[in-house]
Every structure is written in C-alpha cells, then in structure tokens.
Amino acid sequence: SALRRMVGSKQVMIEQLEQLVELSLLPHVTVQVLPFEMGAHPGINGQYAILEFPDAADSSVVYIEGVTSDLYLEKAHDVQRYSVMYEHLRAQALNVEQTRQFIAEIVKEYTRLSHG
C-alpha cells in the first residue's frame, strides 16, 4: 500500500519510486515487496524492526513503534518469534528482481496517469 498511496503529486511518487529502485541496486540494501495478492501474512498486525548489534554480547531487540509509546522486546523468546515471522515475510515476498519490476510497473502507471 505504501507504493500506491499517493503522497504529494504523481511526479513526486514517480521520483520516490525511481529512487527506491536505485537504492535497491546498492549491495547493502535489499528491497522486497509483498503484493496484495499474497493475502494475509505474518506481518499484517503491524510493523516492527529487529535491531541487531555488532557486539555479540549485545542481544537483538524487537522495536515496535506505537502511536503514544514505543515497545522494546528483549526476551530471547520474543525476538525469536519476530525473527521467524520476518523470515516468513521474506519468503512470501517477491524476490529482489521481481520487486524492481513491480515498482517499475507502478512508475509506468503513475507516468500514464500524469500524462492522461
């Protein structure tokens, strides 16, 4: 939905999506899209981030941003559940090249709309 929800003008959306494709070509960036057709998925209840640290002594943390407060989950059991959910999301998503093509098609749609 983030790729299709217009924020700004059609031209702004085109530029943002083209930038996303460019950034996806960087070796340290992975962009994958989970299309609506995939239906329900493990992340449907909201967004989260898994924070990992370079020092092995520091354990990973799940960060959940809320409207009025944030939540940090540090228990290994919780982090493990979110890590498994993340891997399921990655497996269901389009691969990197399919994602680039998917975004390029949306750019074409915005381009047609802005000239039509």
PDB file of N, CA and C in Angstrom:
ATOM      1  N   SER A   1       0.829  -1.198   0.000  1.00  0.00           N
ATOM      2  CA  SER A   1       0.000   0.000   0.000  1.00  0.00           C
ATOM      3  C   SER A   1       0.869   1.255   0.000  1.00  0.00           C
ATOM      4  N   ALA A   2       2.070   1.170   0.583  1.00  0.00           N
ATOM      5  CA  ALA A   2       2.947   2.337   0.641  1.00  0.00           C
ATOM      6  C   ALA A   2       3.383   2.778  -0.758  1.00  0.00           C
ATOM      7  N   LEU A   3       3.446   1.844  -1.697  1.00  0.00           N
ATOM      8  CA  LEU A   3       3.867   2.191  -3.054  1.00  0.00           C
ATOM      9  C   LEU A   3       2.749   2.847  -3.851  1.00  0.00           C
ATOM     10  N   ARG A   4       1.523   2.597  -3.462  1.00  0.00           N
ATOM     11  CA  ARG A   4       0.376   3.102  -4.218  1.00  0.00           C
ATOM     12  C   ARG A   4      -0.347   4.266  -3.544  1.00  0.00           C
ATOM     13  N   ARG A   5      -0.112   4.476  -2.267  1.00  0.00           N
ATOM     14  CA  ARG A   5      -0.769   5.587  -1.566  1.00  0.00           C
ATOM     15  C   ARG A   5      -0.059   6.871  -1.954  1.00  0.00           C
ATOM     16  N   MET A   6      -0.780   7.744  -2.643  1.00  0.00           N
ATOM     17  CA  MET A   6      -0.157   8.950  -3.162  1.00  0.00           C
ATOM     18  C   MET A   6       0.135   9.937  -2.036  1.00  0.00           C
ATOM     19  N   VAL A   7       1.394  10.285  -1.941  1.00  0.00           N
ATOM     20  CA  VAL A   7       1.844  11.313  -1.013  1.00  0.00           C
ATOM     21  C   VAL A   7       2.530  12.357  -1.880  1.00  0.00           C
ATOM     22  N   GLY A   8       1.953  13.537  -1.941  1.00  0.00           N
ATOM     23  CA  GLY A   8       2.451  14.540  -2.873  1.00  0.00           C
ATOM     24  C   GLY A   8       1.789  14.340  -4.225  1.00  0.00           C
ATOM     25  N   SER A   9       2.439  14.774  -5.265  1.00  0.00           N
ATOM     26  CA  SER A   9       1.904  14.666  -6.624  1.00  0.00           C
ATOM     27  C   SER A   9       2.313  13.354  -7.272  1.00  0.00           C
ATOM     28  N   LYS A  10       1.773  13.117  -8.470  1.00  0.00           N
ATOM     29  CA  LYS A  10       2.171  11.932  -9.230  1.00  0.00           C
ATOM     30  C   LYS A  10       3.668  11.985  -9.536  1.00  0.00           C
ATOM     31  N   GLN A  11       4.162  13.181  -9.850  1.00  0.00           N
ATOM     32  CA  GLN A  11       5.587  13.337 -10.153  1.00  0.00           C
ATOM     33  C   GLN A  11       6.444  13.012  -8.931  1.00  0.00           C
ATOM     34  N   VAL A  12       6.009  13.435  -7.766  1.00  0.00           N
ATOM     35  CA  VAL A  12       6.740  13.109  -6.531  1.00  0.00           C
ATOM     36  C   VAL A  12       6.773  11.600  -6.332  1.00  0.00           C
ATOM     37  N   MET A  13       5.653  10.934  -6.562  1.00  0.00           N
ATOM     38  CA  MET A  13       5.605   9.473  -6.415  1.00  0.00           C
ATOM     39  C   MET A  13       6.550   8.802  -7.400  1.00  0.00           C
ATOM     40  N   ILE A  14       6.564   9.265  -8.636  1.00  0.00           N
ATOM     41  CA  ILE A  14       7.461   8.703  -9.651  1.00  0.00           C
ATOM     42  C   ILE A  14       8.906   8.829  -9.180  1.00  0.00           C
ATOM     43  N   GLU A  15       9.278  10.025  -8.715  1.00  0.00           N
ATOM     44  CA  GLU A  15      10.659  10.255  -8.277  1.00  0.00           C
ATOM     45  C   GLU A  15      11.011   9.393  -7.065  1.00  0.00           C
ATOM     46  N   GLN A  16      10.086   9.261  -6.123  1.00  0.00           N
ATOM     47  CA  GLN A  16      10.358   8.449  -4.935  1.00  0.00           C
ATOM     48  C   GLN A  16      10.531   6.975  -5.308  1.00  0.00           C
ATOM     49  N   LEU A  17       9.672   6.475  -6.175  1.00  0.00           N
ATOM     50  CA  LEU A  17       9.760   5.067  -6.569  1.00  0.00           C
ATOM     51  C   LEU A  17      11.020   4.794  -7.387  1.00  0.00           C
ATOM     52  N   GLU A  18      11.382   5.720  -8.261  1.00  0.00           N
ATOM     53  CA  GLU A  18      12.622   5.563  -9.030  1.00  0.00           C
ATOM     54  C   GLU A  18      13.833   5.556  -8.093  1.00  0.00           C
ATOM     55  N   GLN A  19      13.786   6.404  -7.055  1.00  0.00           N
ATOM     56  CA  GLN A  19      14.869   6.428  -6.060  1.00  0.00           C
ATOM     57  C   GLN A  19      14.937   5.100  -5.312  1.00  0.00           C
ATOM     58  N   LEU A  20      13.790   4.543  -5.001  1.00  0.00           N
ATOM     59  CA  LEU A  20      13.739   3.246  -4.308  1.00  0.00           C
ATOM     60  C   LEU A  20      14.386   2.153  -5.158  1.00  0.00           C
ATOM     61  N   VAL A  21      14.112   2.154  -6.455  1.00  0.00           N
ATOM     62  CA  VAL A  21      14.728   1.177  -7.357  1.00  0.00           C
ATOM     63  C   VAL A  21      16.245   1.388  -7.394  1.00  0.00           C
ATOM     64  N   GLU A  22      16.681   2.651  -7.481  1.00  0.00           N
ATOM     65  CA  GLU A  22      18.118   2.937  -7.493  1.00  0.00           C
ATOM     66  C   GLU A  22      18.793   2.450  -6.219  1.00  0.00           C
ATOM     67  N   LEU A  23      18.180   2.734  -5.075  1.00  0.00           N
ATOM     68  CA  LEU A  23      18.755   2.306  -3.803  1.00  0.00           C
ATOM     69  C   LEU A  23      18.802   0.783  -3.693  1.00  0.00           C
ATOM     70  N   SER A  24      17.844   0.111  -4.308  1.00  0.00           N
ATOM     71  CA  SER A  24      17.808  -1.352  -4.244  1.00  0.00           C
ATOM     72  C   SER A  24      18.989  -1.982  -4.974  1.00  0.00           C
ATOM     73  N   LEU A  25      19.678  -1.218  -5.797  1.00  0.00           N
ATOM     74  CA  LEU A  25      20.848  -1.728  -6.519  1.00  0.00           C
ATOM     75  C   LEU A  25      22.116  -1.695  -5.670  1.00  0.00           C
ATOM     76  N   LEU A  26      22.070  -1.001  -4.543  1.00  0.00           N
ATOM     77  CA  LEU A  26      23.230  -0.948  -3.658  1.00  0.00           C
ATOM     78  C   LEU A  26      23.444  -2.315  -3.013  1.00  0.00           C
ATOM     79  N   PRO A  27      24.707  -2.695  -2.824  1.00  0.00           N
ATOM     80  CA  PRO A  27      24.986  -4.041  -2.312  1.00  0.00           C
ATOM     81  C   PRO A  27      24.500  -4.290  -0.879  1.00  0.00           C
ATOM     82  N   HIS A  28      24.346  -3.257  -0.094  1.00  0.00           N
ATOM     83  CA  HIS A  28      23.931  -3.428   1.300  1.00  0.00           C
ATOM     84  C   HIS A  28      22.444  -3.137   1.527  1.00  0.00           C
ATOM     85  N   VAL A  29      21.676  -3.024   0.435  1.00  0.00           N
ATOM     86  CA  VAL A  29      20.249  -2.729   0.533  1.00  0.00           C
ATOM     87  C   VAL A  29      19.464  -3.848  -0.144  1.00  0.00           C
ATOM     88  N   THR A  30      18.452  -4.350   0.548  1.00  0.00           N
ATOM     89  CA  THR A  30      17.549  -5.341  -0.027  1.00  0.00           C
ATOM     90  C   THR A  30      16.138  -4.787   0.056  1.00  0.00           C
ATOM     91  N   VAL A  31      15.479  -4.701  -1.082  1.00  0.00           N
ATOM     92  CA  VAL A  31      14.091  -4.238  -1.131  1.00  0.00           C
ATOM     93  C   VAL A  31      13.245  -5.380  -1.669  1.00  0.00           C
ATOM     94  N   GLN A  32      12.232  -5.749  -0.913  1.00  0.00           N
ATOM     95  CA  GLN A  32      11.287  -6.775  -1.345  1.00  0.00           C
ATOM     96  C   GLN A  32       9.875  -6.278  -1.058  1.00  0.00           C
ATOM     97  N   VAL A  33       8.967  -6.575  -1.977  1.00  0.00           N
ATOM     98  CA  VAL A  33       7.576  -6.162  -1.853  1.00  0.00           C
ATOM     99  C   VAL A  33       6.704  -7.396  -1.653  1.00  0.00           C
ATOM    100  N   LEU A  34       5.725  -7.245  -0.797  1.00  0.00           N
ATOM    101  CA  LEU A  34       4.726  -8.280  -0.579  1.00  0.00           C
ATOM    102  C   LEU A  34       3.424  -7.772  -1.204  1.00  0.00           C
ATOM    103  N   PRO A  35       3.096  -8.230  -2.422  1.00  0.00           N
ATOM    104  CA  PRO A  35       1.909  -7.714  -3.115  1.00  0.00           C
ATOM    105  C   PRO A  35       0.612  -8.085  -2.394  1.00  0.00           C
ATOM    106  N   PHE A  36      -0.417  -7.295  -2.626  1.00  0.00           N
ATOM    107  CA  PHE A  36      -1.725  -7.549  -2.031  1.00  0.00           C
ATOM    108  C   PHE A  36      -2.230  -8.955  -2.345  1.00  0.00           C
ATOM    109  N   GLU A  37      -1.897  -9.477  -3.524  1.00  0.00           N
ATOM    110  CA  GLU A  37      -2.385 -10.791  -3.943  1.00  0.00           C
ATOM    111  C   GLU A  37      -1.939 -11.912  -3.009  1.00  0.00           C
ATOM    112  N   MET A  38      -0.902 -11.658  -2.224  1.00  0.00           N
ATOM    113  CA  MET A  38      -0.401 -12.681  -1.309  1.00  0.00           C
ATOM    114  C   MET A  38      -1.361 -12.889  -0.142  1.00  0.00           C
ATOM    115  N   GLY A  39      -2.302 -11.994   0.023  1.00  0.00           N
ATOM    116  CA  GLY A  39      -3.299 -12.153   1.077  1.00  0.00           C
ATOM    117  C   GLY A  39      -2.735 -11.901   2.458  1.00  0.00           C
ATOM    118  N   ALA A  40      -3.328 -12.579   3.434  1.00  0.00           N
ATOM    119  CA  ALA A  40      -2.892 -12.408   4.818  1.00  0.00           C
ATOM    120  C   ALA A  40      -1.453 -12.898   4.969  1.00  0.00           C
ATOM    121  N   HIS A  41      -0.710 -12.239   5.838  1.00  0.00           N
ATOM    122  CA  HIS A  41       0.684 -12.600   6.056  1.00  0.00           C
ATOM    123  C   HIS A  41       1.045 -12.358   7.516  1.00  0.00           C
ATOM    124  N   PRO A  42       2.176 -12.889   7.958  1.00  0.00           N
ATOM    125  CA  PRO A  42       2.545 -12.786   9.372  1.00  0.00           C
ATOM    126  C   PRO A  42       2.708 -11.348   9.883  1.00  0.00           C
ATOM    127  N   GLY A  43       2.981 -10.399   9.018  1.00  0.00           N
ATOM    128  CA  GLY A  43       3.207  -9.023   9.458  1.00  0.00           C
ATOM    129  C   GLY A  43       1.991  -8.138   9.366  1.00  0.00           C
ATOM    130  N   ILE A  44       0.838  -8.730   9.126  1.00  0.00           N
ATOM    131  CA  ILE A  44      -0.364  -7.942   8.885  1.00  0.00           C
ATOM    132  C   ILE A  44      -0.791  -7.122  10.112  1.00  0.00           C
ATOM    133  N   ASN A  45      -0.345  -7.531  11.298  1.00  0.00           N
ATOM    134  CA  ASN A  45      -0.742  -6.827  12.511  1.00  0.00           C
ATOM    135  C   ASN A  45       0.039  -5.548  12.763  1.00  0.00           C
ATOM    136  N   GLY A  46       1.035  -5.266  11.972  1.00  0.00           N
ATOM    137  CA  GLY A  46       1.765  -4.015  12.149  1.00  0.00           C
ATOM    138  C   GLY A  46       3.243  -4.160  11.882  1.00  0.00           C
ATOM    139  N   GLN A  47       3.895  -3.026  11.893  1.00  0.00           N
ATOM    140  CA  GLN A  47       5.317  -3.015  11.566  1.00  0.00           C
ATOM    141  C   GLN A  47       6.178  -3.160  12.812  1.00  0.00           C
ATOM    142  N   TYR A  48       7.374  -3.626  12.591  1.00  0.00           N
ATOM    143  CA  TYR A  48       8.345  -3.773  13.661  1.00  0.00           C
ATOM    144  C   TYR A  48       9.730  -3.801  13.034  1.00  0.00           C
ATOM    145  N   ALA A  49      10.735  -3.618  13.864  1.00  0.00           N
ATOM    146  CA  ALA A  49      12.123  -3.701  13.411  1.00  0.00           C
ATOM    147  C   ALA A  49      12.885  -4.596  14.379  1.00  0.00           C
ATOM    148  N   ILE A  50      13.774  -5.387  13.833  1.00  0.00           N
ATOM    149  CA  ILE A  50      14.660  -6.192  14.671  1.00  0.00           C
ATOM    150  C   ILE A  50      16.011  -5.488  14.675  1.00  0.00           C
ATOM    151  N   LEU A  51      16.415  -5.039  15.845  1.00  0.00           N
ATOM    152  CA  LEU A  51      17.677  -4.321  15.988  1.00  0.00           C
ATOM    153  C   LEU A  51      18.756  -5.314  16.384  1.00  0.00           C
ATOM    154  N   GLU A  52      19.771  -5.398  15.560  1.00  0.00           N
ATOM    155  CA  GLU A  52      20.902  -6.284  15.841  1.00  0.00           C
ATOM    156  C   GLU A  52      22.138  -5.425  16.014  1.00  0.00           C
ATOM    157  N   PHE A  53      23.044  -5.864  16.848  1.00  0.00           N
ATOM    158  CA  PHE A  53      24.212  -5.075  17.196  1.00  0.00           C
ATOM    159  C   PHE A  53      25.491  -5.813  16.837  1.00  0.00           C
ATOM    160  N   PRO A  54      26.561  -5.076  16.479  1.00  0.00           N
ATOM    161  CA  PRO A  54      27.807  -5.728  16.047  1.00  0.00           C
ATOM    162  C   PRO A  54      28.493  -6.514  17.164  1.00  0.00           C
ATOM    163  N   ASP A  55      28.332  -6.080  18.405  1.00  0.00           N
ATOM    164  CA  ASP A  55      28.955  -6.781  19.523  1.00  0.00           C
ATOM    165  C   ASP A  55      28.109  -7.997  19.882  1.00  0.00           C
ATOM    166  N   ALA A  56      28.694  -9.168  19.803  1.00  0.00           N
ATOM    167  CA  ALA A  56      27.959 -10.413  20.070  1.00  0.00           C
ATOM    168  C   ALA A  56      27.401 -10.460  21.488  1.00  0.00           C
ATOM    169  N   ALA A  57      27.982  -9.686  22.398  1.00  0.00           N
ATOM    170  CA  ALA A  57      27.495  -9.671  23.784  1.00  0.00           C
ATOM    171  C   ALA A  57      26.144  -8.957  23.896  1.00  0.00           C
ATOM    172  N   ASP A  58      25.837  -8.116  22.922  1.00  0.00           N
ATOM    173  CA  ASP A  58      24.557  -7.402  22.917  1.00  0.00           C
ATOM    174  C   ASP A  58      23.533  -8.240  22.168  1.00  0.00           C
ATOM    175  N   SER A  59      22.437  -8.585  22.827  1.00  0.00           N
ATOM    176  CA  SER A  59      21.427  -9.401  22.167  1.00  0.00           C
ATOM    177  C   SER A  59      20.506  -8.530  21.319  1.00  0.00           C
ATOM    178  N   SER A  60      19.852  -9.135  20.346  1.00  0.00           N
ATOM    179  CA  SER A  60      18.932  -8.435  19.460  1.00  0.00           C
ATOM    180  C   SER A  60      17.702  -7.968  20.239  1.00  0.00           C
ATOM    181  N   VAL A  61      17.063  -6.931  19.705  1.00  0.00           N
ATOM    182  CA  VAL A  61      15.884  -6.341  20.328  1.00  0.00           C
ATOM    183  C   VAL A  61      14.843  -6.120  19.233  1.00  0.00           C
ATOM    184  N   VAL A  62      13.577  -6.366  19.548  1.00  0.00           N
ATOM    185  CA  VAL A  62      12.487  -6.047  18.633  1.00  0.00           C
ATOM    186  C   VAL A  62      11.930  -4.685  19.037  1.00  0.00           C
ATOM    187  N   TYR A  63      11.824  -3.800  18.065  1.00  0.00           N
ATOM    188  CA  TYR A  63      11.317  -2.444  18.302  1.00  0.00           C
ATOM    189  C   TYR A  63       9.963  -2.312  17.623  1.00  0.00           C
ATOM    190  N   ILE A  64       8.957  -1.939  18.403  1.00  0.00           N
ATOM    191  CA  ILE A  64       7.612  -1.736  17.876  1.00  0.00           C
ATOM    192  C   ILE A  64       7.216  -0.297  18.183  1.00  0.00           C
ATOM    193  N   GLU A  65       6.964   0.469  17.123  1.00  0.00           N
ATOM    194  CA  GLU A  65       6.598   1.875  17.287  1.00  0.00           C
ATOM    195  C   GLU A  65       5.090   1.993  17.430  1.00  0.00           C
ATOM    196  N   GLY A  66       4.653   2.624  18.487  1.00  0.00           N
ATOM    197  CA  GLY A  66       3.232   2.833  18.713  1.00  0.00           C
ATOM    198  C   GLY A  66       2.847   4.284  18.525  1.00  0.00           C
ATOM    199  N   VAL A  67       1.561   4.559  18.606  1.00  0.00           N
ATOM    200  CA  VAL A  67       1.065   5.928  18.443  1.00  0.00           C
ATOM    201  C   VAL A  67       1.468   6.783  19.643  1.00  0.00           C
ATOM    202  N   THR A  68       1.332   6.228  20.838  1.00  0.00           N
ATOM    203  CA  THR A  68       1.623   7.009  22.036  1.00  0.00           C
ATOM    204  C   THR A  68       2.891   6.583  22.752  1.00  0.00           C
ATOM    205  N   SER A  69       3.406   5.406  22.447  1.00  0.00           N
ATOM    206  CA  SER A  69       4.651   4.958  23.073  1.00  0.00           C
ATOM    207  C   SER A  69       5.290   3.869  22.221  1.00  0.00           C
ATOM    208  N   ASP A  70       6.528   3.575  22.528  1.00  0.00           N
ATOM    209  CA  ASP A  70       7.270   2.546  21.805  1.00  0.00           C
ATOM    210  C   ASP A  70       7.474   1.351  22.721  1.00  0.00           C
ATOM    211  N   LEU A  71       7.701   0.201  22.115  1.00  0.00           N
ATOM    212  CA  LEU A  71       7.897  -1.021  22.885  1.00  0.00           C
ATOM    213  C   LEU A  71       9.177  -1.702  22.412  1.00  0.00           C
ATOM    214  N   TYR A  72      10.004  -2.108  23.353  1.00  0.00           N
ATOM    215  CA  TYR A  72      11.225  -2.839  23.055  1.00  0.00           C
ATOM    216  C   TYR A  72      11.109  -4.219  23.684  1.00  0.00           C
ATOM    217  N   LEU A  73      11.199  -5.253  22.878  1.00  0.00           N
ATOM    218  CA  LEU A  73      11.139  -6.626  23.372  1.00  0.00           C
ATOM    219  C   LEU A  73      12.552  -7.191  23.378  1.00  0.00           C
ATOM    220  N   GLU A  74      13.004  -7.603  24.542  1.00  0.00           N
ATOM    221  CA  GLU A  74      14.381  -8.063  24.678  1.00  0.00           C
ATOM    222  C   GLU A  74      14.493  -9.549  24.994  1.00  0.00           C
ATOM    223  N   LYS A  75      13.420 -10.180  25.417  1.00  0.00           N
ATOM    224  CA  LYS A  75      13.474 -11.599  25.774  1.00  0.00           C
ATOM    225  C   LYS A  75      13.770 -12.420  24.526  1.00  0.00           C
ATOM    226  N   ALA A  76      14.667 -13.373  24.655  1.00  0.00           N
ATOM    227  CA  ALA A  76      15.087 -14.200  23.515  1.00  0.00           C
ATOM    228  C   ALA A  76      13.898 -14.867  22.838  1.00  0.00           C
ATOM    229  N   HIS A  77      12.944 -15.323  23.614  1.00  0.00           N
ATOM    230  CA  HIS A  77      11.742 -15.975  23.078  1.00  0.00           C
ATOM    231  C   HIS A  77      10.974 -15.015  22.156  1.00  0.00           C
ATOM    232  N   ASP A  78      10.796 -13.759  22.591  1.00  0.00           N
ATOM    233  CA  ASP A  78      10.081 -12.765  21.789  1.00  0.00           C
ATOM    234  C   ASP A  78      10.837 -12.430  20.508  1.00  0.00           C
ATOM    235  N   VAL A  79      12.136 -12.212  20.650  1.00  0.00           N
ATOM    236  CA  VAL A  79      12.966 -11.880  19.487  1.00  0.00           C
ATOM    237  C   VAL A  79      12.926 -13.023  18.483  1.00  0.00           C
ATOM    238  N   GLN A  80      12.980 -14.251  18.962  1.00  0.00           N
ATOM    239  CA  GLN A  80      12.937 -15.426  18.086  1.00  0.00           C
ATOM    240  C   GLN A  80      11.627 -15.477  17.304  1.00  0.00           C
ATOM    241  N   ARG A  81      10.513 -15.220  17.974  1.00  0.00           N
ATOM    242  CA  ARG A  81       9.205 -15.256  17.291  1.00  0.00           C
ATOM    243  C   ARG A  81       9.142 -14.219  16.178  1.00  0.00           C
ATOM    244  N   TYR A  82       9.630 -13.014  16.447  1.00  0.00           N
ATOM    245  CA  TYR A  82       9.612 -11.972  15.430  1.00  0.00           C
ATOM    246  C   TYR A  82      10.606 -12.281  14.312  1.00  0.00           C
ATOM    247  N   SER A  83      11.722 -12.902  14.629  1.00  0.00           N
ATOM    248  CA  SER A  83      12.701 -13.282  13.603  1.00  0.00           C
ATOM    249  C   SER A  83      12.116 -14.328  12.662  1.00  0.00           C
ATOM    250  N   VAL A  84      11.408 -15.297  13.212  1.00  0.00           N
ATOM    251  CA  VAL A  84      10.753 -16.323  12.382  1.00  0.00           C
ATOM    252  C   VAL A  84       9.687 -15.667  11.505  1.00  0.00           C
ATOM    253  N   MET A  85       8.912 -14.749  12.077  1.00  0.00           N
ATOM    254  CA  MET A  85       7.885 -14.053  11.305  1.00  0.00           C
ATOM    255  C   MET A  85       8.523 -13.268  10.155  1.00  0.00           C
ATOM    256  N   TYR A  86       9.660 -12.628  10.416  1.00  0.00           N
ATOM    257  CA  TYR A  86      10.380 -11.877   9.391  1.00  0.00           C
ATOM    258  C   TYR A  86      10.820 -12.791   8.251  1.00  0.00           C
ATOM    259  N   GLU A  87      11.348 -13.951   8.585  1.00  0.00           N
ATOM    260  CA  GLU A  87      11.781 -14.896   7.552  1.00  0.00           C
ATOM    261  C   GLU A  87      10.603 -15.397   6.716  1.00  0.00           C
ATOM    262  N   HIS A  88       9.460 -15.584   7.346  1.00  0.00           N
ATOM    263  CA  HIS A  88       8.265 -15.974   6.594  1.00  0.00           C
ATOM    264  C   HIS A  88       7.843 -14.856   5.633  1.00  0.00           C
ATOM    265  N   LEU A  89       7.920 -13.622   6.090  1.00  0.00           N
ATOM    266  CA  LEU A  89       7.589 -12.489   5.221  1.00  0.00           C
ATOM    267  C   LEU A  89       8.521 -12.428   4.016  1.00  0.00           C
ATOM    268  N   ARG A  90       9.805 -12.586   4.266  1.00  0.00           N
ATOM    269  CA  ARG A  90      10.781 -12.565   3.164  1.00  0.00           C
ATOM    270  C   ARG A  90      10.514 -13.672   2.160  1.00  0.00           C
ATOM    271  N   ALA A  91      10.124 -14.846   2.665  1.00  0.00           N
ATOM    272  CA  ALA A  91       9.856 -15.983   1.785  1.00  0.00           C
ATOM    273  C   ALA A  91       8.613 -15.756   0.930  1.00  0.00           C
ATOM    274  N   GLN A  92       7.614 -15.072   1.475  1.00  0.00           N
ATOM    275  CA  GLN A  92       6.376 -14.808   0.737  1.00  0.00           C
ATOM    276  C   GLN A  92       6.515 -13.643  -0.248  1.00  0.00           C
ATOM    277  N   ALA A  93       7.447 -12.747   0.010  1.00  0.00           N
ATOM    278  CA  ALA A  93       7.602 -11.548  -0.809  1.00  0.00           C
ATOM    279  C   ALA A  93       8.205 -11.878  -2.173  1.00  0.00           C
ATOM    280  N   LEU A  94       8.040 -10.945  -3.091  1.00  0.00           N
ATOM    281  CA  LEU A  94       8.707 -11.056  -4.386  1.00  0.00           C
ATOM    282  C   LEU A  94      10.209 -11.014  -4.157  1.00  0.00           C
ATOM    283  N   ASN A  95      10.967 -11.694  -5.020  1.00  0.00           N
ATOM    284  CA  ASN A  95      12.416 -11.597  -4.868  1.00  0.00           C
ATOM    285  C   ASN A  95      12.876 -10.204  -5.305  1.00  0.00           C
ATOM    286  N   VAL A  96      14.150  -9.941  -5.160  1.00  0.00           N
ATOM    287  CA  VAL A  96      14.678  -8.594  -5.396  1.00  0.00           C
ATOM    288  C   VAL A  96      14.409  -8.116  -6.823  1.00  0.00           C
ATOM    289  N   GLU A  97      14.672  -8.957  -7.809  1.00  0.00           N
ATOM    290  CA  GLU A  97      14.459  -8.547  -9.208  1.00  0.00           C
ATOM    291  C   GLU A  97      12.972  -8.389  -9.509  1.00  0.00           C
ATOM    292  N   GLN A  98      12.145  -9.297  -9.027  1.00  0.00           N
ATOM    293  CA  GLN A  98      10.695  -9.165  -9.215  1.00  0.00           C
ATOM    294  C   GLN A  98      10.185  -7.884  -8.563  1.00  0.00           C
ATOM    295  N   THR A  99      10.750  -7.538  -7.427  1.00  0.00           N
ATOM    296  CA  THR A  99      10.360  -6.308  -6.733  1.00  0.00           C
ATOM    297  C   THR A  99      10.705  -5.090  -7.574  1.00  0.00           C
ATOM    298  N   ARG A 100      11.898  -5.068  -8.161  1.00  0.00           N
ATOM    299  CA  ARG A 100      12.279  -3.929  -9.027  1.00  0.00           C
ATOM    300  C   ARG A 100      11.300  -3.799 -10.194  1.00  0.00           C
ATOM    301  N   GLN A 101      10.935  -4.926 -10.796  1.00  0.00           N
ATOM    302  CA  GLN A 101       9.991  -4.909 -11.917  1.00  0.00           C
ATOM    303  C   GLN A 101       8.614  -4.438 -11.449  1.00  0.00           C
ATOM    304  N   PHE A 102       8.195  -4.885 -10.291  1.00  0.00           N
ATOM    305  CA  PHE A 102       6.908  -4.494  -9.718  1.00  0.00           C
ATOM    306  C   PHE A 102       6.859  -2.980  -9.513  1.00  0.00           C
ATOM    307  N   ILE A 103       7.913  -2.430  -8.924  1.00  0.00           N
ATOM    308  CA  ILE A 103       7.969  -0.986  -8.691  1.00  0.00           C
ATOM    309  C   ILE A 103       8.024  -0.235 -10.014  1.00  0.00           C
ATOM    310  N   ALA A 104       8.768  -0.750 -10.984  1.00  0.00           N
ATOM    311  CA  ALA A 104       8.850  -0.104 -12.305  1.00  0.00           C
ATOM    312  C   ALA A 104       7.476  -0.048 -12.972  1.00  0.00           C
ATOM    313  N   GLU A 105       6.667  -1.084 -12.791  1.00  0.00           N
ATOM    314  CA  GLU A 105       5.305  -1.075 -13.349  1.00  0.00           C
ATOM    315  C   GLU A 105       4.447   0.002 -12.690  1.00  0.00           C
ATOM    316  N   ILE A 106       4.608   0.192 -11.395  1.00  0.00           N
ATOM    317  CA  ILE A 106       3.854   1.238 -10.704  1.00  0.00           C
ATOM    318  C   ILE A 106       4.296   2.618 -11.198  1.00  0.00           C
ATOM    319  N   VAL A 107       5.598   2.777 -11.457  1.00  0.00           N
ATOM    320  CA  VAL A 107       6.103   4.033 -12.025  1.00  0.00           C
ATOM    321  C   VAL A 107       5.437   4.295 -13.372  1.00  0.00           C
ATOM    322  N   LYS A 108       5.314   3.254 -14.198  1.00  0.00           N
ATOM    323  CA  LYS A 108       4.659   3.401 -15.504  1.00  0.00           C
ATOM    324  C   LYS A 108       3.204   3.829 -15.335  1.00  0.00           C
ATOM    325  N   GLU A 109       2.515   3.257 -14.334  1.00  0.00           N
ATOM    326  CA  GLU A 109       1.123   3.634 -14.076  1.00  0.00           C
ATOM    327  C   GLU A 109       1.023   5.113 -13.706  1.00  0.00           C
ATOM    328  N   TYR A 110       1.885   5.560 -12.805  1.00  0.00           N
ATOM    329  CA  TYR A 110       1.880   6.980 -12.405  1.00  0.00           C
ATOM    330  C   TYR A 110       2.220   7.872 -13.591  1.00  0.00           C
ATOM    331  N   THR A 111       3.143   7.421 -14.445  1.00  0.00           N
ATOM    332  CA  THR A 111       3.527   8.205 -15.615  1.00  0.00           C
ATOM    333  C   THR A 111       2.349   8.342 -16.580  1.00  0.00           C
ATOM    334  N   ARG A 112       1.623   7.228 -16.821  1.00  0.00           N
ATOM    335  CA  ARG A 112       0.433   7.280 -17.684  1.00  0.00           C
ATOM    336  C   ARG A 112      -0.614   8.230 -17.103  1.00  0.00           C
ATOM    337  N   LEU A 113      -0.827   8.141 -15.788  1.00  0.00           N
ATOM    338  CA  LEU A 113      -1.822   8.989 -15.129  1.00  0.00           C
ATOM    339  C   LEU A 113      -1.456  10.466 -15.210  1.00  0.00           C
ATOM    340  N   SER A 114      -0.162  10.772 -15.115  1.00  0.00           N
ATOM    341  CA  SER A 114       0.248  12.165 -15.139  1.00  0.00           C
ATOM    342  C   SER A 114       0.204  12.761 -16.549  1.00  0.00           C
ATOM    343  N   HIS A 115       0.183  11.897 -17.572  1.00  0.00           N
ATOM    344  CA  HIS A 115       0.095  12.374 -18.950  1.00  0.00           C
ATOM    345  C   HIS A 115      -1.294  12.188 -19.537  1.00  0.00           C
ATOM    346  N   GLY A 116      -2.180  11.565 -18.758  1.00  0.00           N
ATOM    347  CA  GLY A 116      -3.506  11.245 -19.282  1.00  0.00           C
ATOM    348  C   GLY A 116      -4.487  12.180 -18.822  1.00  0.00           C
TER     349      GLY A 116
END
